[in-house]
C-alpha cells in the first residue's frame, strides 16, 4: 500500500483509538455516577416502596403500616408479591437511567446495536 493511502487510514485509526479512550473514561465516570443515584419503585399505590442505586443495588424497602396483618398468611404472600413488584419497578427505572447515560457517552461511536457495555 502506498504511503499516501496509509496516512488517511492511520489518521482514522488514531481518531478511533482516541474516541475509544475518551469513551472508556466517560464510562468510568458514568459508573461512579450510577452508584450514587437512587431510583424508587412502588407497588399498590405506594404501600410498598423499594429504592435501588443506579447500579441496581437494593438500598431500602419500606412497607406502610397498613400493608398487612402479620397474623394472616394470605397478607404475607401478597406483601411478598408487592415487594417483588416494587423492586422490579425500581430496577427498571435504574436501567432506564443507565441507558440514557450510556447513550450520552456512546452516541457518536460506531457500536453494533444491542452491545451491552459493562457497567
Protein backbone atom coordinates (compact mmCIF):
# COMPACT_ATOMS: atom_id res chain seq x y z
CA UNK A 1 0.00 0.00 0.00
CA UNK A 2 1.37 3.37 -0.90
CA UNK A 3 2.41 5.87 1.74
CA UNK A 4 -0.31 8.31 0.61
CA UNK A 5 -3.08 5.74 1.10
CA UNK A 6 -1.83 4.74 4.56
CA UNK A 7 -1.94 8.24 6.02
CA UNK A 8 -5.76 8.66 5.96
CA UNK A 9 -6.19 5.13 7.30
CA UNK A 10 -3.78 5.80 10.16
CA UNK A 11 -5.48 9.12 10.94
CA UNK A 12 -8.85 7.36 11.09
CA UNK A 13 -7.42 4.60 13.26
CA UNK A 14 -5.77 7.11 15.59
CA UNK A 15 -9.01 9.08 15.79
CA UNK A 16 -10.96 5.91 16.63
CA UNK A 17 -8.47 4.98 19.35
CA UNK A 18 -8.75 8.46 20.83
CA UNK A 19 -12.56 8.27 20.83
CA UNK A 20 -12.44 4.81 22.42
CA UNK A 21 -10.15 6.07 25.19
CA UNK A 22 -12.42 9.07 25.81
CA UNK A 23 -15.46 6.77 25.91
CA UNK A 24 -13.70 4.48 28.38
CA UNK A 25 -13.03 7.44 30.68
CA UNK A 26 -16.63 8.63 30.35
CA UNK A 27 -17.90 5.11 31.10
CA UNK A 28 -15.90 5.06 34.32
CA UNK A 29 -17.45 8.40 35.29
CA UNK A 30 -20.96 7.17 34.45
CA UNK A 31 -20.39 4.03 36.53
CA UNK A 32 -19.45 6.18 39.52
CA UNK A 33 -22.47 8.45 38.95
CA UNK A 34 -24.85 5.49 38.73
CA UNK A 35 -23.63 4.15 42.06
CA UNK A 36 -24.64 7.49 43.63
CA UNK A 37 -28.18 7.89 42.24
CA UNK A 38 -31.32 6.39 43.76
CA UNK A 39 -34.32 5.10 41.81
CA UNK A 40 -37.51 4.36 43.74
CA UNK A 41 -40.20 1.94 42.68
CA UNK A 42 -43.52 1.22 44.29
CA UNK A 43 -46.42 -1.18 44.32
CA UNK A 44 -50.08 -0.89 45.33
CA UNK A 45 -50.06 2.89 45.13
CA UNK A 46 -47.04 3.31 47.37
CA UNK A 47 -47.97 0.77 50.04
CA UNK A 48 -44.65 -0.93 49.31
CA UNK A 49 -41.62 1.04 48.10
CA UNK A 50 -38.15 -0.08 47.11
CA UNK A 51 -35.10 2.05 46.40
CA UNK A 52 -32.16 0.84 44.33
CA UNK A 53 -28.98 2.55 43.27
CA UNK A 54 -28.29 3.19 39.60
CA UNK A 55 -26.14 0.07 39.58
CA UNK A 56 -29.14 -1.97 40.85
CA UNK A 57 -28.13 -2.46 44.47
CA UNK A 58 -31.12 -2.50 46.80
CA UNK A 59 -30.81 0.41 49.21
CA UNK A 60 -34.07 0.30 51.13
CA UNK A 61 -37.52 -1.20 51.31
CA UNK A 62 -40.43 0.45 53.08
CA UNK A 63 -43.80 -1.04 53.89
CA UNK A 64 -46.70 1.06 55.07
CA UNK A 65 -48.08 0.06 58.47
CA UNK A 66 -51.47 -0.83 57.00
CA UNK A 67 -49.94 -3.15 54.37
CA UNK A 68 -50.60 -6.47 56.04
CA UNK A 69 -51.52 -8.20 59.21
CA UNK A 70 -48.71 -10.48 60.34
CA UNK A 71 -51.27 -12.97 61.63
CA UNK A 72 -52.79 -13.55 58.17
CA UNK A 73 -50.65 -15.78 55.88
CA UNK A 74 -52.50 -14.52 52.78
CA UNK A 75 -51.40 -10.98 53.61
CA UNK A 76 -47.81 -12.17 53.90
CA UNK A 77 -47.93 -13.73 50.41
CA UNK A 78 -49.49 -10.58 48.96
CA UNK A 79 -46.81 -8.49 50.65
CA UNK A 80 -44.07 -10.70 49.21
CA UNK A 81 -45.55 -10.22 45.73
CA UNK A 82 -45.73 -6.46 46.24
CA UNK A 83 -42.08 -6.40 47.29
CA UNK A 84 -41.09 -8.11 44.04
CA UNK A 85 -43.17 -5.62 42.02
CA UNK A 86 -41.67 -2.61 43.80
CA UNK A 87 -38.10 -3.88 43.42
CA UNK A 88 -38.60 -4.63 39.73
CA UNK A 89 -40.12 -1.19 39.22
CA UNK A 90 -37.10 0.47 40.85
CA UNK A 91 -34.67 -1.69 38.87
CA UNK A 92 -36.47 -0.81 35.64
CA UNK A 93 -36.07 2.88 36.41
CA UNK A 94 -32.38 2.34 37.17
CA UNK A 95 -31.93 0.54 33.82
CA UNK A 96 -33.62 3.44 32.00
CA UNK A 97 -31.28 5.90 33.70
CA UNK A 98 -28.29 3.75 32.81
CA UNK A 99 -29.39 3.51 29.16
CA UNK A 100 -29.86 7.27 28.96
CA UNK A 101 -26.42 7.98 30.38
CA UNK A 102 -24.81 5.33 28.18
CA UNK A 103 -26.36 6.93 25.08
CA UNK A 104 -24.78 10.22 26.10
CA UNK A 105 -21.37 8.52 26.23
CA UNK A 106 -21.55 6.24 23.20
CA UNK A 107 -23.77 8.33 20.93
CA UNK A 108 -21.09 9.08 18.33
CA UNK A 109 -19.25 5.76 18.47
CA UNK A 110 -19.97 3.21 15.73
CA UNK A 111 -21.05 0.40 18.06
CA UNK A 112 -23.14 -2.56 16.91
CA UNK A 113 -26.80 -2.49 18.04
CA UNK A 114 -27.51 -4.40 21.22
CA UNK A 115 -23.95 -4.23 22.52
CA UNK A 116 -24.20 -4.15 26.30
CA UNK A 117 -21.14 -2.43 27.70
CA UNK A 118 -20.13 -3.50 31.21
CA UNK A 119 -21.16 -1.05 33.89
